[in-house]
Amino acid sequence: MKMRPKKMAATFMISPSTLRNYEANGLIPPAERSANGYRFYSDLHAAYLACIQTLAPAFGMEVTTEVLHYLQLDKTHNALWAIREKEIVLYDDKKRLERLIEDIRLQAIENISPYAKERFTINEVSELTKITKSTIRYWEKAGYVAADRDPENHYRCYDGGHLQKMRLIQVLQNSVYSEETVKYKQSIAATEHGDLQSIMKLAENIRTYLDKRIESQMCGISRLYKLIQLIKSPI
């Protein structure tokens, strides 16, 4: 199959300028040329474009670009390891979320708090959650978590509900930017840190979101494998 730029772009519902940008940035191989100098694209280009459209929503454009650059450098295993690294990150986020859901359940239903103290400094929060202090301050500035203030020294202080919200935001930090993740962060920001029932509902919704993400990743990996097989196949 050979297609002129306009038809190939229309096939994948992108603009010709986007197609040119993909080529200029090395996401797809250079266009072939006909005898009279016209550019055209082949089945291999179509496979690259299909890969972009499934990998980018699942892994992000930065990782997609890295992977496709590796393929064109004949570094297939580098591409596969780059993908596997992101799969592991998603798995770790899922485990982190499940621990959070269990902690919320124990606190809300059995009144068993996972935290020994009632109040925590920002240093203690950072140590417990493995979230940097600069990130915690940024989240406060962004409105995700509003710290209390110690009445004596006016230092930031936090309770268990604050930590649950932070841990919930932490789960989303590695997600590909989308309207859905923005809405989840806005919902977390709007939820009172003492409202464990609402925090639990958000956590369960985010668990469903992570389930959809792994399906999306599997779809992208499948398309990537097809591209690799096409690249390896004899001409």
Protein backbone atom coordinates (compact mmCIF):
# COMPACT_ATOMS: atom_id res chain seq x y z
CA MET A 1 0.00 0.00 0.00
CA LYS A 2 1.33 3.41 -0.97
CA MET A 3 -0.42 6.62 0.05
CA ARG A 4 0.19 10.28 -0.53
CA PRO A 5 0.55 12.39 2.65
CA LYS A 6 -2.99 13.79 2.62
CA LYS A 7 -4.60 10.35 2.32
CA MET A 8 -2.36 8.77 4.96
CA ALA A 9 -3.14 11.61 7.36
CA ALA A 10 -6.87 11.22 6.71
CA THR A 11 -6.65 7.47 7.33
CA PHE A 12 -5.42 8.11 10.87
CA MET A 13 -7.58 11.19 11.40
CA ILE A 14 -4.63 13.53 11.84
CA SER A 15 -3.62 16.61 9.92
CA PRO A 16 -0.93 16.53 7.21
CA SER A 17 1.10 18.93 9.37
CA THR A 18 0.99 16.43 12.27
CA LEU A 19 2.21 13.74 9.89
CA ARG A 20 5.07 15.99 8.80
CA ASN A 21 5.93 16.74 12.44
CA TYR A 22 6.07 13.01 13.25
CA GLU A 23 8.48 12.56 10.37
CA ALA A 24 10.57 15.60 11.28
CA ASN A 25 10.84 14.45 14.91
CA GLY A 26 11.81 10.91 13.95
CA LEU A 27 8.67 9.16 15.17
CA ILE A 28 8.17 7.59 11.74
CA PRO A 29 10.75 6.79 9.04
CA PRO A 30 11.32 9.36 6.29
CA ALA A 31 8.75 9.31 3.52
CA GLU A 32 9.65 7.44 0.39
CA ARG A 33 9.85 9.25 -2.93
CA SER A 34 8.30 8.37 -6.27
CA ALA A 35 10.21 8.70 -9.54
CA ASN A 36 8.84 12.21 -10.01
CA GLY A 37 9.81 13.26 -6.47
CA TYR A 38 6.42 13.03 -4.75
CA ARG A 39 6.42 11.84 -1.15
CA PHE A 40 4.44 8.72 -0.28
CA TYR A 41 3.97 6.44 2.70
CA SER A 42 3.95 2.65 2.94
CA ASP A 43 2.45 -0.07 5.14
CA LEU A 44 5.43 0.39 7.46
CA HIS A 45 4.54 4.05 7.98
CA ALA A 46 0.94 3.06 8.67
CA ALA A 47 2.15 0.58 11.30
CA TYR A 48 4.22 3.30 12.98
CA LEU A 49 1.23 5.67 13.02
CA ALA A 50 -1.05 2.98 14.47
CA CYS A 51 1.58 2.37 17.15
CA ILE A 52 1.73 6.06 18.04
CA GLN A 53 -2.04 6.22 18.43
CA THR A 54 -2.13 3.31 20.88
CA LEU A 55 1.14 3.84 22.76
CA ALA A 56 0.74 7.58 23.42
CA PRO A 57 -2.52 7.37 25.45
CA ALA A 58 -1.15 4.43 27.44
CA PHE A 59 2.45 5.49 28.06
CA GLY A 60 2.64 9.17 27.15
CA MET A 61 4.24 10.90 24.19
CA GLU A 62 7.70 11.09 25.76
CA VAL A 63 7.95 7.32 26.20
CA THR A 64 6.35 6.71 22.80
CA THR A 65 8.97 8.92 21.14
CA GLU A 66 11.78 7.13 22.98
CA VAL A 67 10.47 3.71 21.97
CA LEU A 68 10.02 4.57 18.29
CA HIS A 69 13.46 6.17 18.13
CA TYR A 70 14.94 2.94 19.49
CA LEU A 71 13.16 0.92 16.81
CA GLN A 72 14.58 3.07 14.03
CA LEU A 73 18.05 2.64 15.52
CA ASP A 74 17.52 -1.14 15.44
CA LYS A 75 17.54 -1.26 19.26
CA THR A 76 14.43 -3.36 19.72
CA HIS A 77 15.30 -4.60 23.19
CA ASN A 78 15.92 -1.05 24.44
CA ALA A 79 12.41 -0.19 23.24
CA LEU A 80 10.90 -3.18 25.02
CA TRP A 81 12.71 -2.43 28.29
CA ALA A 82 11.55 1.18 28.17
CA ILE A 83 7.98 -0.09 27.98
CA ARG A 84 8.50 -2.68 30.71
CA GLU A 85 9.78 0.03 33.08
CA LYS A 86 6.45 1.87 32.77
CA GLU A 87 4.47 -1.33 33.24
CA ILE A 88 6.27 -1.88 36.55
CA VAL A 89 5.48 1.67 37.63
CA LEU A 90 1.76 1.06 37.02
CA TYR A 91 1.92 -2.21 38.97
CA ASP A 92 3.60 -0.44 41.90
CA ASP A 93 0.92 2.29 41.81
CA LYS A 94 -1.78 -0.39 41.93
CA LYS A 95 -0.18 -2.01 45.00
CA ARG A 96 0.18 1.40 46.65
CA LEU A 97 -3.51 2.11 46.04
CA GLU A 98 -4.62 -1.25 47.45
CA ARG A 99 -2.67 -0.57 50.65
CA LEU A 100 -4.31 2.83 50.88
CA ILE A 101 -7.79 1.40 50.39
CA GLU A 102 -7.17 -1.15 53.15
CA ASP A 103 -5.91 1.58 55.51
CA ILE A 104 -8.98 3.73 54.81
CA ARG A 105 -11.26 0.74 55.38
CA LEU A 106 -9.65 -0.03 58.73
CA GLN A 107 -9.91 3.59 59.82
CA ALA A 108 -13.47 4.18 58.59
CA ILE A 109 -15.04 0.85 59.58
CA GLU A 110 -12.95 -0.51 62.45
CA ASN A 111 -11.59 2.82 63.73
CA ILE A 112 -8.03 1.51 63.45
CA SER A 113 -5.70 4.25 62.29
CA PRO A 114 -2.56 3.29 60.34
CA TYR A 115 -0.79 6.21 62.00
CA ALA A 116 0.45 6.20 65.57
CA LYS A 117 0.11 9.97 66.06
CA GLU A 118 -2.76 12.40 65.56
CA ARG A 119 -0.63 15.27 64.26
CA PHE A 120 2.38 15.26 61.96
CA THR A 121 4.94 17.81 60.85
CA ILE A 122 5.79 18.15 57.18
CA ASN A 123 9.06 16.30 57.85
CA GLU A 124 7.17 13.38 59.38
CA VAL A 125 4.67 13.32 56.51
CA SER A 126 7.51 13.23 54.00
CA GLU A 127 9.16 10.31 55.81
CA LEU A 128 5.91 8.34 56.11
CA THR A 129 4.70 8.82 52.55
CA LYS A 130 8.05 9.13 50.71
CA ILE A 131 6.73 12.36 49.15
CA THR A 132 9.25 15.19 49.08
CA LYS A 133 8.55 18.29 51.15
CA SER A 134 8.74 20.46 48.03
CA THR A 135 6.02 18.31 46.42
CA ILE A 136 3.81 18.59 49.52
CA ARG A 137 4.20 22.38 49.47
CA TYR A 138 3.41 22.44 45.75
CA TRP A 139 0.24 20.40 46.30
CA GLU A 140 -0.80 22.84 49.00
CA LYS A 141 -0.20 25.78 46.67
CA ALA A 142 -2.19 23.99 43.93
CA GLY A 143 -5.07 23.51 46.39
CA TYR A 144 -4.96 19.71 46.57
CA VAL A 145 -4.21 19.54 50.31
CA ALA A 146 -4.77 22.38 52.80
CA ALA A 147 -2.51 21.99 55.83
CA ASP A 148 -3.64 22.98 59.31
CA ARG A 149 -1.48 25.34 61.34
CA ASP A 150 -0.11 24.71 64.81
CA PRO A 151 -1.74 27.35 67.06
CA GLU A 152 1.50 27.91 68.95
CA ASN A 153 4.15 28.23 66.23
CA HIS A 154 1.98 28.39 63.07
CA TYR A 155 3.95 25.57 61.44
CA ARG A 156 2.15 23.28 59.01
CA CYS A 157 0.60 20.22 60.64
CA TYR A 158 -1.33 17.30 59.24
CA ASP A 159 -3.58 14.49 60.42
CA GLY A 160 -4.33 11.03 59.04
CA GLY A 161 -6.90 12.38 56.58
CA HIS A 162 -4.32 14.70 55.06
CA LEU A 163 -1.97 11.75 54.58
CA GLN A 164 -4.69 9.67 52.91
CA LYS A 165 -5.36 12.45 50.40
CA MET A 166 -1.66 12.85 49.69
CA ARG A 167 -1.25 9.13 49.13
CA LEU A 168 -4.19 9.24 46.72
CA ILE A 169 -2.63 12.07 44.72
CA GLN A 170 0.67 10.16 44.78
CA VAL A 171 -0.97 7.24 42.96
CA LEU A 172 -1.88 9.56 40.08
CA GLN A 173 1.54 11.16 39.74
CA ASN A 174 2.82 8.65 37.18
CA SER A 175 -0.37 8.67 35.10
CA VAL A 176 -0.42 10.05 31.58
CA TYR A 177 -1.89 13.56 31.65
CA SER A 178 -5.54 13.53 30.60
CA GLU A 179 -8.87 15.20 31.36
CA GLU A 180 -9.70 12.20 33.54
CA THR A 181 -6.65 12.57 35.77
CA VAL A 182 -7.27 16.31 36.06
CA LYS A 183 -10.84 15.63 37.23
CA TYR A 184 -9.63 13.11 39.80
CA LYS A 185 -7.15 15.61 41.24
CA GLN A 186 -9.85 18.27 41.34
CA SER A 187 -12.14 15.85 43.19
CA ILE A 188 -9.40 15.08 45.68
CA ALA A 189 -8.84 18.79 46.24
CA ALA A 190 -12.57 19.36 46.83
CA THR A 191 -12.84 16.52 49.38
CA GLU A 192 -12.47 17.35 53.06
CA HIS A 193 -9.55 15.49 54.62
CA GLY A 194 -11.82 14.19 57.38
CA ASP A 195 -14.37 12.71 54.97
CA LEU A 196 -13.05 9.14 54.81
CA GLN A 197 -16.14 7.87 52.99
CA SER A 198 -15.58 10.26 50.09
CA ILE A 199 -11.85 9.51 50.05
CA MET A 200 -12.65 5.79 49.89
CA LYS A 201 -15.05 6.33 46.97
CA LEU A 202 -12.39 8.31 45.10
CA ALA A 203 -9.83 5.56 45.78
CA GLU A 204 -12.17 2.92 44.36
CA ASN A 205 -12.84 5.05 41.27
CA ILE A 206 -9.11 5.49 40.75
CA ARG A 207 -8.69 1.72 41.06
CA THR A 208 -11.11 1.36 38.13
CA TYR A 209 -9.08 3.95 36.24
CA LEU A 210 -5.86 1.96 36.82
CA ASP A 211 -7.63 -1.16 35.53
CA LYS A 212 -8.44 0.73 32.34
CA ARG A 213 -4.85 1.91 32.09
CA ILE A 214 -3.46 -1.61 32.11
CA GLU A 215 -5.87 -2.56 29.34
CA SER A 216 -4.67 0.47 27.39
CA GLN A 217 -1.06 -0.53 27.96
CA MET A 218 -1.72 -4.08 26.73
CA CYS A 219 -3.33 -2.67 23.59
CA GLY A 220 -0.30 -0.46 22.96
CA ILE A 221 2.13 -3.32 23.55
CA SER A 222 0.21 -5.52 21.12
CA ARG A 223 0.44 -2.85 18.44
CA LEU A 224 4.14 -2.35 19.19
CA TYR A 225 4.80 -6.06 18.79
CA LYS A 226 3.08 -6.06 15.39
CA LEU A 227 5.28 -3.16 14.31
CA ILE A 228 8.42 -4.98 15.46
CA GLN A 229 7.40 -8.08 13.50
CA LEU A 230 6.80 -5.98 10.39
CA ILE A 231 10.21 -4.33 10.75
CA LYS A 232 11.84 -7.76 11.08
CA SER A 233 9.94 -9.33 8.18
CA PRO A 234 11.79 -9.71 4.87
CA ILE A 235 11.03 -7.12 2.21
